[in-house]
């Protein structure tokens, strides 16, 4: 028996086939296998200028960014090397000298 992919909405493993559709019995979502394959595309993170970013890129901050929990700010023009892209609200994980590990939003950086 073939393993069917879980529901893309609720992640239920109990999906089943109904004619040419895949159906989730828990949330009622229906989709085709072609939609499932198209949905597997990787996410794209773009900087403030619309340039696509990749893991390992170097970026520069475009404005002063306050750091929660401290009175310090990351100054505009700070170079951040070797970024890692993640699929979350703050989509760049990095390490900034003098601050340590940080999570930045891509809208506040530009590709160097």
N, C-alpha and C. Protein backbone atom coordinates (compact mmCIF):
# COMPACT_ATOMS: atom_id res chain seq x y z
N UNK A 1 0.84 -1.18 0.00
CA UNK A 1 0.00 0.00 0.00
C UNK A 1 0.88 1.24 0.00
N UNK A 2 0.56 2.21 -0.85
CA UNK A 2 1.35 3.43 -0.95
C UNK A 2 1.06 4.35 0.23
N UNK A 3 2.11 4.97 0.73
CA UNK A 3 1.96 5.96 1.79
C UNK A 3 1.55 7.28 1.17
N UNK A 4 0.46 7.85 1.63
CA UNK A 4 0.01 9.15 1.14
C UNK A 4 0.59 10.25 2.02
N UNK A 5 0.82 11.39 1.42
CA UNK A 5 1.38 12.53 2.15
C UNK A 5 0.36 13.04 3.16
N UNK A 6 0.82 13.60 4.28
CA UNK A 6 -0.12 14.16 5.26
C UNK A 6 -0.80 15.42 4.71
N UNK A 7 -1.86 15.81 5.33
CA UNK A 7 -2.62 17.00 4.92
C UNK A 7 -1.74 18.24 5.02
N UNK A 8 -1.70 19.09 3.98
CA UNK A 8 -0.87 20.29 4.04
C UNK A 8 -1.41 21.36 4.99
N UNK A 9 -2.67 21.25 5.38
CA UNK A 9 -3.28 22.24 6.27
C UNK A 9 -3.10 21.84 7.74
N UNK A 10 -3.61 20.67 8.11
CA UNK A 10 -3.58 20.27 9.53
C UNK A 10 -2.52 19.21 9.84
N UNK A 11 -1.81 18.72 8.83
CA UNK A 11 -0.74 17.71 8.97
C UNK A 11 -1.24 16.35 9.45
N UNK A 12 -2.50 16.07 9.26
CA UNK A 12 -3.07 14.79 9.64
C UNK A 12 -2.49 13.67 8.76
N UNK A 13 -2.09 12.55 9.35
CA UNK A 13 -1.55 11.44 8.55
C UNK A 13 -2.64 10.55 7.95
N UNK A 14 -3.91 10.82 8.21
CA UNK A 14 -5.01 9.93 7.80
C UNK A 14 -5.63 10.33 6.47
N UNK A 15 -4.86 10.80 5.51
CA UNK A 15 -5.41 11.19 4.23
C UNK A 15 -5.79 9.96 3.41
N UNK A 16 -6.73 10.15 2.48
CA UNK A 16 -7.14 9.06 1.61
C UNK A 16 -7.45 9.61 0.22
N UNK A 17 -7.51 8.71 -0.76
CA UNK A 17 -7.78 9.10 -2.14
C UNK A 17 -9.27 8.98 -2.42
N UNK A 18 -9.79 9.99 -3.13
CA UNK A 18 -11.18 9.98 -3.58
C UNK A 18 -11.16 10.42 -5.03
N UNK A 19 -11.32 9.47 -5.95
CA UNK A 19 -11.15 9.71 -7.38
C UNK A 19 -9.75 10.28 -7.63
N UNK A 20 -9.65 11.50 -8.15
CA UNK A 20 -8.32 12.07 -8.44
C UNK A 20 -7.86 13.02 -7.33
N UNK A 21 -8.61 13.10 -6.25
CA UNK A 21 -8.27 14.01 -5.16
C UNK A 21 -7.70 13.27 -3.95
N UNK A 22 -6.93 13.99 -3.17
CA UNK A 22 -6.53 13.52 -1.84
C UNK A 22 -7.39 14.29 -0.85
N UNK A 23 -7.89 13.60 0.18
CA UNK A 23 -8.83 14.20 1.13
C UNK A 23 -8.35 13.97 2.55
N UNK A 24 -8.54 15.00 3.38
CA UNK A 24 -8.22 14.89 4.80
C UNK A 24 -9.53 14.71 5.57
N UNK A 25 -9.70 13.62 6.31
CA UNK A 25 -10.95 13.40 7.03
C UNK A 25 -11.09 14.30 8.27
N UNK A 26 -10.00 14.85 8.76
CA UNK A 26 -10.06 15.65 9.98
C UNK A 26 -10.48 17.10 9.71
N UNK A 27 -9.92 17.72 8.65
CA UNK A 27 -10.26 19.13 8.39
C UNK A 27 -11.09 19.30 7.12
N UNK A 28 -11.21 18.24 6.32
CA UNK A 28 -12.03 18.30 5.12
C UNK A 28 -11.33 18.91 3.91
N UNK A 29 -10.05 19.20 4.01
CA UNK A 29 -9.31 19.80 2.89
C UNK A 29 -9.15 18.79 1.77
N UNK A 30 -9.34 19.25 0.51
CA UNK A 30 -9.16 18.41 -0.67
C UNK A 30 -8.12 19.04 -1.56
N UNK A 31 -7.21 18.23 -2.12
CA UNK A 31 -6.19 18.74 -3.02
C UNK A 31 -5.79 17.64 -3.98
N UNK A 32 -5.12 18.02 -5.06
CA UNK A 32 -4.66 17.05 -6.04
C UNK A 32 -3.19 16.74 -5.80
N UNK A 33 -2.74 15.64 -6.37
CA UNK A 33 -1.34 15.27 -6.21
C UNK A 33 -0.43 16.29 -6.89
N UNK A 34 -0.89 16.93 -7.96
CA UNK A 34 -0.10 17.95 -8.65
C UNK A 34 0.10 19.17 -7.75
N UNK A 35 -0.94 19.56 -7.00
CA UNK A 35 -0.81 20.68 -6.06
C UNK A 35 0.19 20.33 -4.96
N UNK A 36 0.19 19.09 -4.54
CA UNK A 36 1.10 18.64 -3.48
C UNK A 36 2.55 18.76 -3.94
N UNK A 37 2.83 18.35 -5.18
CA UNK A 37 4.19 18.43 -5.70
C UNK A 37 4.61 19.87 -5.92
N UNK A 38 3.70 20.74 -6.35
CA UNK A 38 4.02 22.15 -6.55
C UNK A 38 4.27 22.85 -5.22
N UNK A 39 3.64 22.38 -4.16
CA UNK A 39 3.80 22.98 -2.85
C UNK A 39 5.12 22.65 -2.18
N UNK A 40 5.87 21.70 -2.72
CA UNK A 40 7.14 21.31 -2.14
C UNK A 40 8.27 22.26 -2.48
N UNK A 41 8.02 23.31 -3.26
CA UNK A 41 9.06 24.25 -3.64
C UNK A 41 9.63 24.94 -2.40
N UNK A 42 10.92 25.22 -2.45
CA UNK A 42 11.56 25.86 -1.31
C UNK A 42 11.12 27.31 -1.20
N UNK A 43 11.17 27.83 0.00
CA UNK A 43 10.78 29.21 0.20
C UNK A 43 11.92 30.14 -0.21
N UNK A 44 11.57 31.35 -0.61
CA UNK A 44 12.55 32.33 -1.06
C UNK A 44 12.52 33.51 -0.11
N UNK A 45 13.70 33.92 0.37
CA UNK A 45 13.81 35.07 1.25
C UNK A 45 14.47 36.18 0.45
N UNK A 46 13.85 37.37 0.46
CA UNK A 46 14.38 38.51 -0.28
C UNK A 46 14.75 39.63 0.68
N UNK A 47 15.80 40.38 0.32
CA UNK A 47 16.23 41.51 1.15
C UNK A 47 15.35 42.72 0.85
N UNK A 48 15.70 43.87 1.41
CA UNK A 48 14.89 45.08 1.25
C UNK A 48 14.85 45.57 -0.19
N UNK A 49 15.83 45.20 -1.00
CA UNK A 49 15.87 45.62 -2.41
C UNK A 49 15.27 44.58 -3.35
N UNK A 50 14.82 43.46 -2.84
CA UNK A 50 14.22 42.42 -3.66
C UNK A 50 15.19 41.37 -4.16
N UNK A 51 16.44 41.41 -3.70
CA UNK A 51 17.43 40.40 -4.09
C UNK A 51 17.21 39.13 -3.27
N UNK A 52 17.29 37.98 -3.93
CA UNK A 52 17.13 36.70 -3.23
C UNK A 52 18.36 36.43 -2.37
N UNK A 53 18.13 35.98 -1.15
CA UNK A 53 19.21 35.64 -0.22
C UNK A 53 19.38 34.13 -0.17
N UNK A 54 20.59 33.70 0.20
CA UNK A 54 20.88 32.27 0.34
C UNK A 54 21.69 32.06 1.61
N UNK A 55 21.71 30.82 2.10
CA UNK A 55 22.54 30.49 3.26
C UNK A 55 23.99 30.84 2.97
N UNK A 56 24.67 31.46 3.95
CA UNK A 56 26.07 31.80 3.81
C UNK A 56 26.33 33.18 3.24
N UNK A 57 25.29 33.88 2.81
CA UNK A 57 25.47 35.23 2.26
C UNK A 57 25.92 36.21 3.35
N UNK A 58 26.42 37.36 2.90
CA UNK A 58 26.76 38.47 3.78
C UNK A 58 25.76 39.58 3.51
N UNK A 59 25.20 40.15 4.56
CA UNK A 59 24.23 41.23 4.44
C UNK A 59 24.66 42.42 5.29
N UNK A 60 24.05 43.58 5.03
CA UNK A 60 24.32 44.80 5.77
C UNK A 60 22.99 45.35 6.26
N UNK A 61 22.92 45.77 7.53
CA UNK A 61 21.68 46.34 8.06
C UNK A 61 21.46 47.71 7.43
N UNK A 62 20.19 48.07 7.20
CA UNK A 62 19.88 49.34 6.54
C UNK A 62 19.36 50.39 7.51
N UNK A 63 19.10 50.01 8.76
CA UNK A 63 18.65 50.97 9.76
C UNK A 63 19.09 50.51 11.14
N UNK A 64 19.05 51.41 12.11
CA UNK A 64 19.38 51.05 13.48
C UNK A 64 18.31 50.11 14.01
N UNK A 65 18.74 48.98 14.58
CA UNK A 65 17.80 47.98 15.09
C UNK A 65 17.97 47.83 16.59
N UNK A 66 16.93 48.15 17.38
CA UNK A 66 17.04 47.96 18.84
C UNK A 66 17.06 46.48 19.17
N UNK A 67 17.82 46.12 20.21
CA UNK A 67 17.93 44.74 20.65
C UNK A 67 17.12 44.59 21.93
N UNK A 68 16.15 43.68 21.92
CA UNK A 68 15.32 43.47 23.10
C UNK A 68 16.16 43.02 24.28
N UNK A 69 15.87 43.58 25.45
CA UNK A 69 16.54 43.17 26.67
C UNK A 69 17.81 43.95 26.96
N UNK A 70 18.23 44.80 26.04
CA UNK A 70 19.42 45.62 26.27
C UNK A 70 19.14 47.04 25.81
N UNK A 71 20.03 47.94 26.18
CA UNK A 71 19.90 49.31 25.72
C UNK A 71 20.73 49.55 24.46
N UNK A 72 21.38 48.50 23.95
CA UNK A 72 22.21 48.61 22.76
C UNK A 72 21.35 48.54 21.50
N UNK A 73 21.88 49.08 20.41
CA UNK A 73 21.24 48.95 19.11
C UNK A 73 22.28 48.47 18.10
N UNK A 74 21.80 47.76 17.10
CA UNK A 74 22.66 47.36 15.99
C UNK A 74 22.61 48.53 15.01
N UNK A 75 23.74 49.14 14.77
CA UNK A 75 23.81 50.34 13.94
C UNK A 75 23.58 50.02 12.46
N UNK A 76 23.03 50.99 11.74
CA UNK A 76 22.87 50.86 10.30
C UNK A 76 24.25 50.72 9.67
N UNK A 77 24.39 49.81 8.73
CA UNK A 77 25.67 49.58 8.07
C UNK A 77 26.48 48.46 8.68
N UNK A 78 25.94 47.80 9.72
CA UNK A 78 26.64 46.68 10.34
C UNK A 78 26.64 45.50 9.38
N UNK A 79 27.82 44.94 9.12
CA UNK A 79 27.95 43.80 8.20
C UNK A 79 27.72 42.51 8.99
N UNK A 80 26.88 41.66 8.45
CA UNK A 80 26.56 40.38 9.07
C UNK A 80 26.97 39.29 8.09
N UNK A 81 27.92 38.44 8.49
CA UNK A 81 28.44 37.40 7.61
C UNK A 81 27.80 36.05 7.92
N UNK A 82 27.79 35.19 6.92
CA UNK A 82 27.39 33.79 7.06
C UNK A 82 25.99 33.63 7.68
N UNK A 83 24.98 34.18 7.01
CA UNK A 83 23.62 34.08 7.51
C UNK A 83 23.04 32.70 7.23
N UNK A 84 21.99 32.33 7.98
CA UNK A 84 21.27 31.08 7.77
C UNK A 84 19.80 31.44 7.65
N UNK A 85 19.15 30.98 6.60
CA UNK A 85 17.74 31.28 6.37
C UNK A 85 16.86 30.25 7.06
N UNK A 86 15.81 30.74 7.72
CA UNK A 86 14.85 29.87 8.40
C UNK A 86 13.45 30.31 8.01
N UNK A 87 12.51 29.41 8.09
CA UNK A 87 11.12 29.71 7.72
C UNK A 87 10.35 30.09 8.98
N UNK A 88 10.46 31.35 9.37
CA UNK A 88 9.73 31.86 10.53
C UNK A 88 9.54 33.36 10.37
N UNK A 89 9.02 34.01 11.41
CA UNK A 89 8.77 35.44 11.36
C UNK A 89 10.07 36.22 11.12
N UNK A 90 11.09 35.95 11.90
CA UNK A 90 12.42 36.52 11.70
C UNK A 90 13.18 35.48 10.88
N UNK A 91 13.32 35.70 9.57
CA UNK A 91 13.78 34.64 8.70
C UNK A 91 15.28 34.58 8.45
N UNK A 92 16.08 35.30 9.24
CA UNK A 92 17.54 35.20 9.13
C UNK A 92 18.11 34.92 10.52
N UNK A 93 18.83 33.82 10.66
CA UNK A 93 19.59 33.53 11.89
C UNK A 93 21.04 33.87 11.61
N UNK A 94 21.69 34.55 12.55
CA UNK A 94 23.07 34.96 12.33
C UNK A 94 23.76 35.20 13.67
N UNK A 95 25.03 35.53 13.58
CA UNK A 95 25.82 35.89 14.75
C UNK A 95 26.43 37.26 14.45
N UNK A 96 26.20 38.23 15.36
CA UNK A 96 26.71 39.59 15.18
C UNK A 96 27.75 39.85 16.26
N UNK A 97 28.92 40.33 15.84
CA UNK A 97 29.99 40.62 16.80
C UNK A 97 29.50 41.63 17.84
N UNK A 98 29.75 41.32 19.10
CA UNK A 98 29.35 42.21 20.19
C UNK A 98 27.94 41.96 20.69
N UNK A 99 27.14 41.17 19.95
CA UNK A 99 25.76 40.89 20.34
C UNK A 99 25.49 39.41 20.49
N UNK A 100 26.16 38.58 19.71
CA UNK A 100 25.93 37.14 19.76
C UNK A 100 24.91 36.69 18.74
N UNK A 101 24.24 35.59 19.04
CA UNK A 101 23.26 35.02 18.11
C UNK A 101 22.04 35.92 18.03
N UNK A 102 21.56 36.13 16.81
CA UNK A 102 20.42 37.02 16.56
C UNK A 102 19.50 36.41 15.52
N UNK A 103 18.28 36.88 15.51
CA UNK A 103 17.32 36.58 14.45
C UNK A 103 16.89 37.93 13.87
N UNK A 104 17.05 38.09 12.56
CA UNK A 104 16.72 39.35 11.90
C UNK A 104 15.61 39.14 10.88
N UNK A 105 14.89 40.21 10.58
CA UNK A 105 13.92 40.19 9.50
C UNK A 105 14.63 40.64 8.24
N UNK A 106 14.32 39.98 7.12
CA UNK A 106 15.01 40.28 5.88
C UNK A 106 14.68 41.67 5.35
N UNK A 107 13.60 42.27 5.78
CA UNK A 107 13.23 43.60 5.30
C UNK A 107 14.16 44.70 5.85
N UNK A 108 15.00 44.39 6.83
CA UNK A 108 15.90 45.38 7.40
C UNK A 108 17.35 45.18 6.98
N UNK A 109 17.60 44.34 5.98
CA UNK A 109 18.96 44.12 5.51
C UNK A 109 19.01 44.21 3.99
N UNK A 110 20.21 44.44 3.47
CA UNK A 110 20.44 44.36 2.03
C UNK A 110 21.66 43.49 1.79
N UNK A 111 21.67 42.84 0.64
CA UNK A 111 22.76 41.93 0.31
C UNK A 111 24.03 42.74 0.07
N UNK A 112 25.14 42.26 0.64
CA UNK A 112 26.41 42.98 0.48
C UNK A 112 27.12 42.59 -0.79
